[in-house]
Amino acid sequence: MKEIYFAGGCFWGVEHFFKGVDGVAEAMPGYANGNTDNPTYKEVYTDTTGFAETVRVRYNPDRVSLDFLTRMFFTVTDPLTLNRQGHDEGTRYRSGVFYVDGEDRAVIETVFQEVSAKLGVPLVTQLEPLKNFYPAEEYHQNYLDKNPDGYCHLSLKTFSYLRLYQDAKLYLGDETDTVARMANLAALIAKKMHFFWTGFYRVIDSELVLGPFQGTAACFRIGFGKGVCGTAWKEKKTIVVPDVEEFPGHIACSSESKSEIVVPVFNEKGDVTAVLDIDDNQYATFDNTDAAWLEWLAALV
């Protein structure tokens, strides 16, 4: 077993999230990298001890990689907010990754650099060796299991996406046919997340051509740079649209569609080969959480 320490705001939600990652043997909330011995929650809460609410993650490296765990960490934290996650503020809620094995730093740094490059700004998330760690009081352990309706700063759909991603990765397995993978991935997303329309458009010559989908009948073809799908293809980036009527040049395949997200699918050369298109019949359904996880899911194609 190996271990890594993640500080991501209130440790109740972070613990609950990492407990659900396949290959993680233990997720324990506690206090890390402070200036005193054996701190209590009340002491840490004063922001005078230097400790951060942190989760110790013990994992089997044969089943889950440090790279994957670190990338998962960035799906549940905001690396641009200093000493704050969600509504929680204070140095105890700062974000950070604390390592015990010096060889792990290079792996973690690579993920930090990729996230920073994508956001276009430096991260405020700390990357430091572990100085110390003290388990939190018993009532903090497995808090959300004991209190299912308890406070959690993480979006509830984060937990749904984690299970969906792991199920999809296992289910798709080593199937080599891309269309077959698209078909089952669309079905899995639709069943788990209950969006209005979920499907793929494939790049064929100069157009996007309708591929496997779940939902109502849709447009057969979309031009390069046209609509949300064609724009995501052209710009090679995920596009989130809270209200489709406000998107210039929106192509209305269905009058029931109110919000949309489109995620490019890339090949190994970095070329867009398809897009994952998801619509919902409610406004403002999609946000950065959906974007991050749907990009992970699209990569499985």
Protein backbone atom coordinates (compact mmCIF):
# COMPACT_ATOMS: atom_id res chain seq x y z
CA MET A 1 0.00 0.00 0.00
CA LYS A 2 1.00 3.58 -0.65
CA GLU A 3 -0.40 6.79 0.76
CA ILE A 4 -1.02 10.36 -0.31
CA TYR A 5 -2.66 13.25 1.54
CA PHE A 6 -5.29 15.52 -0.01
CA ALA A 7 -6.47 18.80 1.51
CA GLY A 8 -9.58 19.92 -0.32
CA GLY A 9 -11.71 21.97 2.05
CA CYS A 10 -14.09 20.29 4.48
CA PHE A 11 -12.78 16.76 4.89
CA TRP A 12 -16.19 15.13 5.22
CA GLY A 13 -16.90 15.26 1.48
CA VAL A 14 -13.33 14.60 0.39
CA GLU A 15 -13.19 11.48 2.55
CA HIS A 16 -16.51 10.24 1.19
CA PHE A 17 -15.39 10.82 -2.39
CA PHE A 18 -12.08 8.97 -2.16
CA LYS A 19 -13.68 6.07 -0.31
CA GLY A 20 -15.59 5.46 -3.53
CA VAL A 21 -12.51 5.24 -5.76
CA ASP A 22 -11.70 1.69 -6.83
CA GLY A 23 -8.29 0.71 -5.47
CA VAL A 24 -8.47 2.97 -2.40
CA ALA A 25 -8.22 0.91 0.78
CA GLU A 26 -8.72 3.73 3.27
CA ALA A 27 -9.63 7.40 3.37
CA MET A 28 -9.16 8.98 6.79
CA PRO A 29 -9.92 12.63 7.68
CA GLY A 30 -7.44 14.46 9.83
CA TYR A 31 -5.21 17.50 10.22
CA ALA A 32 -1.94 17.95 8.30
CA ASN A 33 1.08 20.23 8.10
CA GLY A 34 0.48 22.29 11.20
CA ASN A 35 2.63 23.69 13.99
CA THR A 36 1.39 21.90 17.13
CA ASP A 37 1.01 18.35 18.42
CA ASN A 38 -2.27 16.43 18.59
CA PRO A 39 -4.58 19.32 17.67
CA THR A 40 -8.31 19.19 18.34
CA TYR A 41 -10.93 20.27 15.85
CA LYS A 42 -11.71 23.33 17.97
CA GLU A 43 -8.05 24.35 17.91
CA VAL A 44 -7.71 23.83 14.17
CA TYR A 45 -10.92 25.82 13.64
CA THR A 46 -9.24 28.93 15.07
CA ASP A 47 -6.80 29.03 12.13
CA THR A 48 -3.91 29.53 14.56
CA THR A 49 -2.37 26.04 14.37
CA GLY A 50 -1.41 26.02 10.69
CA PHE A 51 -3.22 22.74 10.07
CA ALA A 52 -5.33 21.98 7.02
CA GLU A 53 -8.28 19.62 7.01
CA THR A 54 -6.79 16.72 5.09
CA VAL A 55 -7.67 13.18 4.02
CA ARG A 56 -5.07 10.43 4.14
CA VAL A 57 -5.61 8.12 1.19
CA ARG A 58 -4.09 4.67 1.31
CA TYR A 59 -4.25 2.90 -2.02
CA ASN A 60 -3.12 -0.13 -3.96
CA PRO A 61 -0.84 1.14 -6.79
CA ASP A 62 -1.54 -2.05 -8.74
CA ARG A 63 -5.21 -1.02 -8.97
CA VAL A 64 -5.14 2.77 -9.05
CA SER A 65 -2.34 5.17 -9.93
CA LEU A 66 -1.19 8.31 -8.14
CA ASP A 67 -1.69 10.16 -11.41
CA PHE A 68 -5.36 9.12 -11.46
CA LEU A 69 -5.91 10.00 -7.80
CA THR A 70 -4.39 13.44 -8.28
CA ARG A 71 -6.53 14.08 -11.33
CA MET A 72 -9.57 12.99 -9.32
CA PHE A 73 -8.56 15.44 -6.60
CA PHE A 74 -8.77 18.30 -9.07
CA THR A 75 -12.32 17.30 -10.06
CA VAL A 76 -13.49 18.01 -6.50
CA THR A 77 -11.47 21.13 -5.69
CA ASP A 78 -11.08 24.65 -7.00
CA PRO A 79 -7.32 25.20 -7.39
CA LEU A 80 -7.76 28.95 -7.87
CA THR A 81 -9.38 29.89 -4.55
CA LEU A 82 -6.92 30.67 -1.75
CA ASN A 83 -7.86 29.34 1.69
CA ARG A 84 -11.40 28.54 0.57
CA GLN A 85 -13.39 25.68 -0.89
CA GLY A 86 -17.09 26.12 -1.49
CA HIS A 87 -18.56 28.24 1.31
CA ASP A 88 -15.79 27.30 3.76
CA GLU A 89 -13.07 29.89 4.36
CA GLY A 90 -9.88 29.92 6.39
CA THR A 91 -6.36 28.52 6.19
CA ARG A 92 -7.68 25.20 7.52
CA TYR A 93 -9.63 24.88 4.26
CA ARG A 94 -6.70 25.55 1.93
CA SER A 95 -6.15 23.04 -0.85
CA GLY A 96 -3.01 20.97 -1.06
CA VAL A 97 -1.38 17.67 -1.93
CA PHE A 98 1.11 16.40 0.64
CA TYR A 99 3.36 13.47 -0.21
CA VAL A 100 5.53 11.09 1.84
CA ASP A 101 7.49 9.50 -1.00
CA GLY A 102 9.81 11.99 -2.71
CA GLU A 103 9.54 10.08 -5.98
CA ASP A 104 5.83 10.89 -6.05
CA ARG A 105 6.44 14.60 -6.47
CA ALA A 106 7.26 14.38 -10.19
CA VAL A 107 4.00 12.53 -10.90
CA ILE A 108 1.97 15.09 -8.96
CA GLU A 109 3.81 18.04 -10.51
CA THR A 110 2.93 16.82 -14.00
CA VAL A 111 -0.77 16.91 -13.14
CA PHE A 112 -0.39 20.35 -11.53
CA GLN A 113 1.26 21.66 -14.68
CA GLU A 114 -1.44 20.25 -16.95
CA VAL A 115 -4.24 21.71 -14.83
CA SER A 116 -2.49 25.08 -14.68
CA ALA A 117 -1.95 25.10 -18.45
CA LYS A 118 -5.60 24.29 -19.07
CA LEU A 119 -6.80 27.07 -16.76
CA GLY A 120 -4.19 29.49 -18.06
CA VAL A 121 -3.14 30.71 -14.61
CA PRO A 122 -0.95 29.47 -11.73
CA LEU A 123 -2.61 27.27 -9.11
CA VAL A 124 -2.85 28.22 -5.43
CA THR A 125 -3.06 24.56 -4.39
CA GLN A 126 -0.03 23.63 -2.30
CA LEU A 127 2.34 20.84 -3.24
CA GLU A 128 4.51 19.96 -0.25
CA PRO A 129 6.04 17.01 1.58
CA LEU A 130 3.95 15.83 4.52
CA LYS A 131 5.12 17.45 7.73
CA ASN A 132 2.70 15.77 10.13
CA PHE A 133 -0.77 14.25 10.24
CA TYR A 134 -3.17 13.59 13.08
CA PRO A 135 -6.45 11.68 12.61
CA ALA A 136 -9.57 13.71 13.33
CA GLU A 137 -11.90 12.89 16.20
CA GLU A 138 -14.13 9.84 15.91
CA TYR A 139 -17.26 11.81 15.11
CA HIS A 140 -15.56 13.13 11.95
CA GLN A 141 -14.72 9.63 10.70
CA ASN A 142 -17.16 8.41 8.02
CA TYR A 143 -19.26 11.46 8.79
CA LEU A 144 -21.45 11.34 5.68
CA ASP A 145 -22.10 7.63 6.19
CA LYS A 146 -23.33 8.41 9.69
CA ASN A 147 -25.16 11.55 8.54
CA PRO A 148 -26.42 11.04 4.97
CA ASP A 149 -28.07 14.46 4.97
CA GLY A 150 -25.04 16.16 6.51
CA TYR A 151 -23.22 19.13 5.03
CA CYS A 152 -20.96 18.51 2.04
CA HIS A 153 -19.36 21.24 -0.05
CA LEU A 154 -18.96 18.87 -3.00
CA SER A 155 -21.65 18.74 -5.65
CA LEU A 156 -23.75 15.62 -5.18
CA LYS A 157 -23.44 14.80 -8.87
CA THR A 158 -19.69 14.44 -8.34
CA PHE A 159 -20.35 11.14 -6.57
CA SER A 160 -22.67 10.00 -9.38
CA TYR A 161 -20.04 10.80 -11.99
CA LEU A 162 -17.35 8.91 -10.07
CA ARG A 163 -19.44 5.74 -10.03
CA LEU A 164 -20.44 6.26 -13.67
CA TYR A 165 -16.85 6.71 -14.81
CA GLN A 166 -15.61 3.63 -13.01
CA ASP A 167 -18.54 1.53 -14.26
CA ALA A 168 -18.03 2.76 -17.83
CA LYS A 169 -14.29 2.06 -17.78
CA LEU A 170 -14.92 -1.47 -16.55
CA TYR A 171 -17.83 -2.13 -18.90
CA LEU A 172 -16.14 -0.85 -22.07
CA GLY A 173 -13.09 -2.92 -21.24
CA ASP A 174 -10.90 -3.73 -24.23
CA GLU A 175 -13.58 -3.44 -26.95
CA THR A 176 -11.80 -2.08 -30.02
CA ASP A 177 -14.71 -0.83 -32.12
CA THR A 178 -15.16 2.90 -31.55
CA VAL A 179 -18.84 3.04 -32.56
CA ALA A 180 -19.62 0.18 -30.18
CA ARG A 181 -17.87 2.04 -27.37
CA MET A 182 -19.82 5.19 -28.20
CA ALA A 183 -23.12 3.29 -28.18
CA ASN A 184 -22.66 1.78 -24.76
CA LEU A 185 -21.13 4.91 -23.26
CA ALA A 186 -24.12 6.96 -24.42
CA ALA A 187 -26.43 4.37 -22.87
CA LEU A 188 -24.54 4.35 -19.57
CA ILE A 189 -24.53 8.14 -19.28
CA ALA A 190 -28.23 8.37 -20.13
CA LYS A 191 -29.20 5.72 -17.60
CA LYS A 192 -27.14 7.17 -14.77
CA MET A 193 -27.57 10.91 -15.31
CA HIS A 194 -31.05 11.08 -16.92
CA PHE A 195 -30.26 13.87 -19.36
CA PHE A 196 -32.75 14.71 -22.14
CA TRP A 197 -30.40 13.68 -24.99
CA THR A 198 -27.01 12.01 -24.95
CA GLY A 199 -25.03 10.99 -27.99
CA PHE A 200 -22.12 11.33 -30.34
CA TYR A 201 -21.48 13.05 -33.64
CA ARG A 202 -18.56 11.61 -35.63
CA VAL A 203 -16.19 13.64 -37.79
CA ILE A 204 -16.57 12.40 -41.36
CA ASP A 205 -14.84 14.53 -43.98
CA SER A 206 -16.01 18.12 -43.41
CA GLU A 207 -19.06 17.37 -41.29
CA LEU A 208 -20.20 15.93 -38.01
CA VAL A 209 -22.43 12.93 -38.71
CA LEU A 210 -24.90 11.58 -36.19
CA GLY A 211 -23.60 8.56 -34.29
CA PRO A 212 -24.95 6.41 -31.44
CA PHE A 213 -27.32 8.27 -29.14
CA GLN A 214 -30.06 8.02 -26.54
CA GLY A 215 -33.06 10.31 -26.89
CA THR A 216 -35.33 11.86 -29.51
CA ALA A 217 -34.55 11.97 -33.24
CA ALA A 218 -31.74 14.43 -33.97
CA CYS A 219 -30.00 16.33 -36.77
CA PHE A 220 -28.15 14.04 -39.17
CA ARG A 221 -25.27 16.37 -40.04
CA ILE A 222 -23.63 19.49 -38.59
CA GLY A 223 -21.07 21.60 -40.39
CA PHE A 224 -17.63 22.60 -39.12
CA GLY A 225 -18.00 25.61 -36.83
CA LYS A 226 -21.80 25.42 -36.94
CA GLY A 227 -23.94 25.33 -33.81
CA VAL A 228 -22.57 24.25 -30.43
CA CYS A 229 -21.25 20.92 -31.74
CA GLY A 230 -19.48 22.40 -34.75
CA THR A 231 -17.99 25.16 -32.60
CA ALA A 232 -16.63 22.69 -30.05
CA TRP A 233 -15.05 20.79 -32.96
CA LYS A 234 -13.55 23.96 -34.44
CA GLU A 235 -12.25 25.36 -31.13
CA LYS A 236 -11.19 21.96 -29.78
CA LYS A 237 -12.66 22.66 -26.37
CA THR A 238 -15.65 21.84 -24.21
CA ILE A 239 -18.52 24.31 -24.49
CA VAL A 240 -21.15 24.73 -21.77
CA VAL A 241 -24.36 26.52 -22.79
CA PRO A 242 -26.82 27.43 -19.99
CA ASP A 243 -29.48 28.61 -22.48
CA VAL A 244 -29.26 27.32 -26.05
CA GLU A 245 -31.34 30.21 -27.40
CA GLU A 246 -28.58 32.61 -26.38
CA PHE A 247 -25.86 30.73 -28.30
CA PRO A 248 -25.21 32.42 -31.67
CA GLY A 249 -26.06 30.10 -34.53
CA HIS A 250 -27.59 27.41 -32.32
CA ILE A 251 -29.02 24.54 -34.35
CA ALA A 252 -32.37 23.54 -32.88
CA CYS A 253 -32.61 19.78 -33.42
CA SER A 254 -35.31 19.69 -30.74
CA SER A 255 -37.45 22.49 -29.30
CA GLU A 256 -37.30 20.72 -25.93
CA SER A 257 -33.57 21.32 -25.54
CA LYS A 258 -32.87 24.16 -23.11
CA SER A 259 -29.21 23.73 -22.10
CA GLU A 260 -26.30 21.86 -23.65
CA ILE A 261 -22.72 20.72 -23.21
CA VAL A 262 -20.46 19.49 -26.01
CA VAL A 263 -17.15 17.72 -25.36
CA PRO A 264 -14.62 16.98 -28.12
CA VAL A 265 -13.26 13.46 -28.50
CA PHE A 266 -9.58 13.43 -29.47
CA ASN A 267 -7.34 10.82 -31.04
CA GLU A 268 -3.73 10.24 -30.03
CA LYS A 269 -2.58 12.95 -32.45
CA GLY A 270 -4.80 15.55 -30.80
CA ASP A 271 -7.29 15.70 -33.67
CA VAL A 272 -11.03 15.87 -32.94
CA THR A 273 -12.64 12.67 -34.19
CA ALA A 274 -16.09 13.14 -32.66
CA VAL A 275 -18.01 15.15 -30.10
CA LEU A 276 -20.06 14.02 -27.13
CA ASP A 277 -23.23 16.09 -27.23
CA ILE A 278 -25.58 16.24 -24.24
CA ASP A 279 -28.77 18.29 -24.00
CA ASP A 280 -31.20 18.78 -21.15
CA ASN A 281 -34.76 20.08 -21.03
CA GLN A 282 -33.93 22.36 -18.10
CA TYR A 283 -31.94 25.58 -18.19
CA ALA A 284 -28.40 25.80 -16.71
CA THR A 285 -28.05 22.07 -16.09
CA PHE A 286 -24.33 21.88 -16.82
CA ASP A 287 -21.33 23.42 -15.08
CA ASN A 288 -17.59 22.87 -14.59
CA THR A 289 -18.24 19.62 -12.70
CA ASP A 290 -20.06 18.16 -15.71
CA ALA A 291 -17.34 19.44 -18.04
CA ALA A 292 -14.53 17.80 -16.08
CA TRP A 293 -16.21 14.43 -15.76
CA LEU A 294 -17.61 14.30 -19.29
CA GLU A 295 -14.14 15.01 -20.64
CA TRP A 296 -12.93 11.97 -18.68
CA LEU A 297 -15.78 9.90 -20.06
CA ALA A 298 -15.22 11.10 -23.63
CA ALA A 299 -11.59 10.05 -23.34
CA LEU A 300 -12.77 6.45 -22.87
CA VAL A 301 -13.97 6.40 -26.49
